[in-house]
């Protein structure tokens, strides 16, 4: 599976899609969007370690 246009070198983001792998950490800055709520079902990737531990059963 690949993103639409990922194989087209003229498309913005080509280098990102060409060199990134599943599991790579990506930090998005200055997007103008709000942070995704950690409780939205997309796992805990938006939580700090302290926040994750606070909600953990451990």
PDB file of N, CA and C in Angstrom:
ATOM      1  N   UNK A   1       0.843  -1.176   0.000  1.00  0.00           N
ATOM      2  CA  UNK A   1       0.000   0.000   0.000  1.00  0.00           C
ATOM      3  C   UNK A   1       0.890   1.241   0.000  1.00  0.00           C
ATOM      4  N   UNK A   2       0.545   2.213  -0.768  1.00  0.00           N
ATOM      5  CA  UNK A   2       1.301   3.455  -0.759  1.00  0.00           C
ATOM      6  C   UNK A   2       0.346   4.627  -0.923  1.00  0.00           C
ATOM      7  N   UNK A   3       0.818   5.785  -0.548  1.00  0.00           N
ATOM      8  CA  UNK A   3       0.009   6.995  -0.662  1.00  0.00           C
ATOM      9  C   UNK A   3      -0.079   7.418  -2.120  1.00  0.00           C
ATOM     10  N   UNK A   4      -1.192   8.008  -2.473  1.00  0.00           N
ATOM     11  CA  UNK A   4      -1.373   8.484  -3.846  1.00  0.00           C
ATOM     12  C   UNK A   4      -0.285   9.498  -4.191  1.00  0.00           C
ATOM     13  N   UNK A   5       0.388   9.292  -5.284  1.00  0.00           N
ATOM     14  CA  UNK A   5       1.434  10.205  -5.729  1.00  0.00           C
ATOM     15  C   UNK A   5       2.785   9.959  -5.084  1.00  0.00           C
ATOM     16  N   UNK A   6       2.891   8.978  -4.213  1.00  0.00           N
ATOM     17  CA  UNK A   6       4.144   8.755  -3.489  1.00  0.00           C
ATOM     18  C   UNK A   6       5.296   8.373  -4.410  1.00  0.00           C
ATOM     19  N   UNK A   7       4.992   7.788  -5.557  1.00  0.00           N
ATOM     20  CA  UNK A   7       6.055   7.406  -6.485  1.00  0.00           C
ATOM     21  C   UNK A   7       6.403   8.489  -7.495  1.00  0.00           C
ATOM     22  N   UNK A   8       5.733   9.621  -7.421  1.00  0.00           N
ATOM     23  CA  UNK A   8       5.937  10.721  -8.365  1.00  0.00           C
ATOM     24  C   UNK A   8       6.915  11.725  -7.762  1.00  0.00           C
ATOM     25  N   UNK A   9       8.105  11.818  -8.306  1.00  0.00           N
ATOM     26  CA  UNK A   9       9.150  12.682  -7.740  1.00  0.00           C
ATOM     27  C   UNK A   9       8.805  14.165  -7.792  1.00  0.00           C
ATOM     28  N   UNK A  10       7.792  14.541  -8.576  1.00  0.00           N
ATOM     29  CA  UNK A  10       7.426  15.960  -8.659  1.00  0.00           C
ATOM     30  C   UNK A  10       6.412  16.359  -7.577  1.00  0.00           C
ATOM     31  N   UNK A  11       5.904  15.391  -6.821  1.00  0.00           N
ATOM     32  CA  UNK A  11       4.888  15.650  -5.802  1.00  0.00           C
ATOM     33  C   UNK A  11       5.550  16.105  -4.500  1.00  0.00           C
ATOM     34  N   UNK A  12       4.970  17.148  -3.876  1.00  0.00           N
ATOM     35  CA  UNK A  12       5.461  17.570  -2.560  1.00  0.00           C
ATOM     36  C   UNK A  12       5.391  16.377  -1.608  1.00  0.00           C
ATOM     37  N   UNK A  13       6.408  16.168  -0.861  1.00  0.00           N
ATOM     38  CA  UNK A  13       6.436  15.077   0.104  1.00  0.00           C
ATOM     39  C   UNK A  13       7.028  13.791  -0.428  1.00  0.00           C
ATOM     40  N   UNK A  14       7.446  13.773  -1.695  1.00  0.00           N
ATOM     41  CA  UNK A  14       8.007  12.545  -2.270  1.00  0.00           C
ATOM     42  C   UNK A  14       9.153  11.991  -1.426  1.00  0.00           C
ATOM     43  N   UNK A  15      10.089  12.862  -1.063  1.00  0.00           N
ATOM     44  CA  UNK A  15      11.251  12.390  -0.298  1.00  0.00           C
ATOM     45  C   UNK A  15      10.834  11.792   1.038  1.00  0.00           C
ATOM     46  N   UNK A  16       9.810  12.399   1.665  1.00  0.00           N
ATOM     47  CA  UNK A  16       9.321  11.859   2.935  1.00  0.00           C
ATOM     48  C   UNK A  16       8.801  10.436   2.738  1.00  0.00           C
ATOM     49  N   UNK A  17       7.914  10.242   1.775  1.00  0.00           N
ATOM     50  CA  UNK A  17       7.342   8.915   1.538  1.00  0.00           C
ATOM     51  C   UNK A  17       8.385   7.927   1.041  1.00  0.00           C
ATOM     52  N   UNK A  18       9.356   8.404   0.306  1.00  0.00           N
ATOM     53  CA  UNK A  18      10.384   7.521  -0.227  1.00  0.00           C
ATOM     54  C   UNK A  18      11.343   7.029   0.859  1.00  0.00           C
ATOM     55  N   UNK A  19      11.566   7.851   1.881  1.00  0.00           N
ATOM     56  CA  UNK A  19      12.576   7.491   2.877  1.00  0.00           C
ATOM     57  C   UNK A  19      12.006   7.089   4.234  1.00  0.00           C
ATOM     58  N   UNK A  20      10.704   7.255   4.452  1.00  0.00           N
ATOM     59  CA  UNK A  20      10.154   6.907   5.761  1.00  0.00           C
ATOM     60  C   UNK A  20       9.693   5.456   5.797  1.00  0.00           C
ATOM     61  N   UNK A  21       9.617   4.925   7.014  1.00  0.00           N
ATOM     62  CA  UNK A  21       9.184   3.553   7.226  1.00  0.00           C
ATOM     63  C   UNK A  21       8.081   3.538   8.279  1.00  0.00           C
ATOM     64  N   UNK A  22       7.253   2.506   8.252  1.00  0.00           N
ATOM     65  CA  UNK A  22       6.224   2.346   9.279  1.00  0.00           C
ATOM     66  C   UNK A  22       6.907   2.328  10.638  1.00  0.00           C
ATOM     67  N   UNK A  23       6.392   3.125  11.560  1.00  0.00           N
ATOM     68  CA  UNK A  23       6.959   3.188  12.900  1.00  0.00           C
ATOM     69  C   UNK A  23       7.889   4.361  13.113  1.00  0.00           C
ATOM     70  N   UNK A  24       8.283   5.063  12.038  1.00  0.00           N
ATOM     71  CA  UNK A  24       9.128   6.241  12.192  1.00  0.00           C
ATOM     72  C   UNK A  24       8.396   7.303  13.010  1.00  0.00           C
ATOM     73  N   UNK A  25       9.122   7.945  13.874  1.00  0.00           N
ATOM     74  CA  UNK A  25       8.549   9.032  14.667  1.00  0.00           C
ATOM     75  C   UNK A  25       8.474  10.283  13.791  1.00  0.00           C
ATOM     76  N   UNK A  26       7.314  10.920  13.789  1.00  0.00           N
ATOM     77  CA  UNK A  26       7.111  12.133  12.999  1.00  0.00           C
ATOM     78  C   UNK A  26       6.584  13.214  13.929  1.00  0.00           C
ATOM     79  N   UNK A  27       7.233  14.346  13.942  1.00  0.00           N
ATOM     80  CA  UNK A  27       6.786  15.477  14.747  1.00  0.00           C
ATOM     81  C   UNK A  27       6.313  16.563  13.786  1.00  0.00           C
ATOM     82  N   UNK A  28       5.044  16.900  13.885  1.00  0.00           N
ATOM     83  CA  UNK A  28       4.461  17.933  13.030  1.00  0.00           C
ATOM     84  C   UNK A  28       4.422  19.229  13.824  1.00  0.00           C
ATOM     85  N   UNK A  29       4.998  20.283  13.264  1.00  0.00           N
ATOM     86  CA  UNK A  29       5.004  21.579  13.939  1.00  0.00           C
ATOM     87  C   UNK A  29       4.372  22.636  13.051  1.00  0.00           C
ATOM     88  N   UNK A  30       3.824  23.637  13.674  1.00  0.00           N
ATOM     89  CA  UNK A  30       3.266  24.799  12.966  1.00  0.00           C
ATOM     90  C   UNK A  30       2.234  24.437  11.901  1.00  0.00           C
ATOM     91  N   UNK A  31       1.435  23.406  12.157  1.00  0.00           N
ATOM     92  CA  UNK A  31       0.426  23.012  11.178  1.00  0.00           C
ATOM     93  C   UNK A  31      -0.850  23.833  11.306  1.00  0.00           C
ATOM     94  N   UNK A  32      -1.020  24.494  12.450  1.00  0.00           N
ATOM     95  CA  UNK A  32      -2.242  25.236  12.683  1.00  0.00           C
ATOM     96  C   UNK A  32      -3.384  24.359  13.160  1.00  0.00           C
ATOM     97  N   UNK A  33      -3.148  23.071  13.263  1.00  0.00           N
ATOM     98  CA  UNK A  33      -4.165  22.127  13.734  1.00  0.00           C
ATOM     99  C   UNK A  33      -3.981  21.857  15.214  1.00  0.00           C
ATOM    100  N   UNK A  34      -5.021  21.356  15.841  1.00  0.00           N
ATOM    101  CA  UNK A  34      -4.920  21.016  17.258  1.00  0.00           C
ATOM    102  C   UNK A  34      -4.390  19.593  17.414  1.00  0.00           C
ATOM    103  N   UNK A  35      -3.872  19.282  18.581  1.00  0.00           N
ATOM    104  CA  UNK A  35      -3.370  17.949  18.867  1.00  0.00           C
ATOM    105  C   UNK A  35      -4.532  16.964  18.946  1.00  0.00           C
ATOM    106  N   UNK A  36      -4.349  15.790  18.387  1.00  0.00           N
ATOM    107  CA  UNK A  36      -5.380  14.762  18.424  1.00  0.00           C
ATOM    108  C   UNK A  36      -5.567  14.296  19.867  1.00  0.00           C
ATOM    109  N   UNK A  37      -6.829  14.162  20.276  1.00  0.00           N
ATOM    110  CA  UNK A  37      -7.137  13.692  21.627  1.00  0.00           C
ATOM    111  C   UNK A  37      -6.611  12.261  21.791  1.00  0.00           C
ATOM    112  N   UNK A  38      -5.810  11.996  22.808  1.00  0.00           N
ATOM    113  CA  UNK A  38      -5.268  10.645  23.009  1.00  0.00           C
ATOM    114  C   UNK A  38      -6.353   9.588  23.198  1.00  0.00           C
ATOM    115  N   UNK A  39      -7.554   9.979  23.576  1.00  0.00           N
ATOM    116  CA  UNK A  39      -8.635   9.026  23.809  1.00  0.00           C
ATOM    117  C   UNK A  39      -9.432   8.722  22.539  1.00  0.00           C
ATOM    118  N   UNK A  40      -8.931   9.119  21.369  1.00  0.00           N
ATOM    119  CA  UNK A  40      -9.694   8.932  20.138  1.00  0.00           C
ATOM    120  C   UNK A  40      -9.550   7.540  19.533  1.00  0.00           C
ATOM    121  N   UNK A  41      -8.815   6.654  20.182  1.00  0.00           N
ATOM    122  CA  UNK A  41      -8.670   5.293  19.688  1.00  0.00           C
ATOM    123  C   UNK A  41      -7.433   5.062  18.837  1.00  0.00           C
ATOM    124  N   UNK A  42      -6.620   6.078  18.628  1.00  0.00           N
ATOM    125  CA  UNK A  42      -5.409   5.902  17.829  1.00  0.00           C
ATOM    126  C   UNK A  42      -4.201   5.562  18.693  1.00  0.00           C
ATOM    127  N   UNK A  43      -4.453   4.918  19.825  1.00  0.00           N
ATOM    128  CA  UNK A  43      -3.405   4.497  20.754  1.00  0.00           C
ATOM    129  C   UNK A  43      -2.931   5.679  21.581  1.00  0.00           C
ATOM    130  N   UNK A  44      -1.825   5.534  22.245  1.00  0.00           N
ATOM    131  CA  UNK A  44      -1.350   6.557  23.160  1.00  0.00           C
ATOM    132  C   UNK A  44      -0.186   7.366  22.644  1.00  0.00           C
ATOM    133  N   UNK A  45      -0.012   7.445  21.334  1.00  0.00           N
ATOM    134  CA  UNK A  45       1.157   8.127  20.787  1.00  0.00           C
ATOM    135  C   UNK A  45       1.167   9.616  21.065  1.00  0.00           C
ATOM    136  N   UNK A  46       0.022  10.182  21.431  1.00  0.00           N
ATOM    137  CA  UNK A  46      -0.048  11.610  21.697  1.00  0.00           C
ATOM    138  C   UNK A  46       0.094  11.933  23.173  1.00  0.00           C
ATOM    139  N   UNK A  47       0.411  10.930  23.981  1.00  0.00           N
ATOM    140  CA  UNK A  47       0.571  11.131  25.416  1.00  0.00           C
ATOM    141  C   UNK A  47       2.042  11.261  25.783  1.00  0.00           C
ATOM    142  N   UNK A  48       2.314  12.089  26.767  1.00  0.00           N
ATOM    143  CA  UNK A  48       3.666  12.104  27.333  1.00  0.00           C
ATOM    144  C   UNK A  48       3.848  10.794  28.095  1.00  0.00           C
ATOM    145  N   UNK A  49       5.074  10.445  28.427  1.00  0.00           N
ATOM    146  CA  UNK A  49       5.324   9.229  29.192  1.00  0.00           C
ATOM    147  C   UNK A  49       4.604   9.299  30.543  1.00  0.00           C
ATOM    148  N   UNK A  50       4.670  10.457  31.195  1.00  0.00           N
ATOM    149  CA  UNK A  50       4.001  10.622  32.491  1.00  0.00           C
ATOM    150  C   UNK A  50       2.491  10.460  32.339  1.00  0.00           C
ATOM    151  N   UNK A  51       1.924  11.018  31.270  1.00  0.00           N
ATOM    152  CA  UNK A  51       0.493  10.878  31.024  1.00  0.00           C
ATOM    153  C   UNK A  51       0.088   9.450  30.741  1.00  0.00           C
ATOM    154  N   UNK A  52       0.915   8.745  30.011  1.00  0.00           N
ATOM    155  CA  UNK A  52       0.635   7.345  29.709  1.00  0.00           C
ATOM    156  C   UNK A  52       0.667   6.512  30.974  1.00  0.00           C
ATOM    157  N   UNK A  53       1.695   6.753  31.786  1.00  0.00           N
ATOM    158  CA  UNK A  53       1.818   6.014  33.055  1.00  0.00           C
ATOM    159  C   UNK A  53       0.651   6.323  33.991  1.00  0.00           C
ATOM    160  N   UNK A  54       0.179   7.553  33.974  1.00  0.00           N
ATOM    161  CA  UNK A  54      -0.942   7.937  34.856  1.00  0.00           C
ATOM    162  C   UNK A  54      -2.204   7.152  34.500  1.00  0.00           C
ATOM    163  N   UNK A  55      -2.383   6.792  33.234  1.00  0.00           N
ATOM    164  CA  UNK A  55      -3.558   6.048  32.815  1.00  0.00           C
ATOM    165  C   UNK A  55      -3.327   4.553  32.743  1.00  0.00           C
ATOM    166  N   UNK A  56      -2.123   4.113  33.087  1.00  0.00           N
ATOM    167  CA  UNK A  56      -1.763   2.715  33.012  1.00  0.00           C
ATOM    168  C   UNK A  56      -2.243   1.937  34.223  1.00  0.00           C
ATOM    169  N   UNK A  57      -2.477   0.654  34.031  1.00  0.00           N
ATOM    170  CA  UNK A  57      -2.849  -0.213  35.149  1.00  0.00           C
ATOM    171  C   UNK A  57      -1.611  -0.694  35.913  1.00  0.00           C
ATOM    172  N   UNK A  58      -0.444  -0.323  35.426  1.00  0.00           N
ATOM    173  CA  UNK A  58       0.807  -0.767  36.062  1.00  0.00           C
ATOM    174  C   UNK A  58       1.101   0.071  37.283  1.00  0.00           C
TER     175      UNK A  58
END
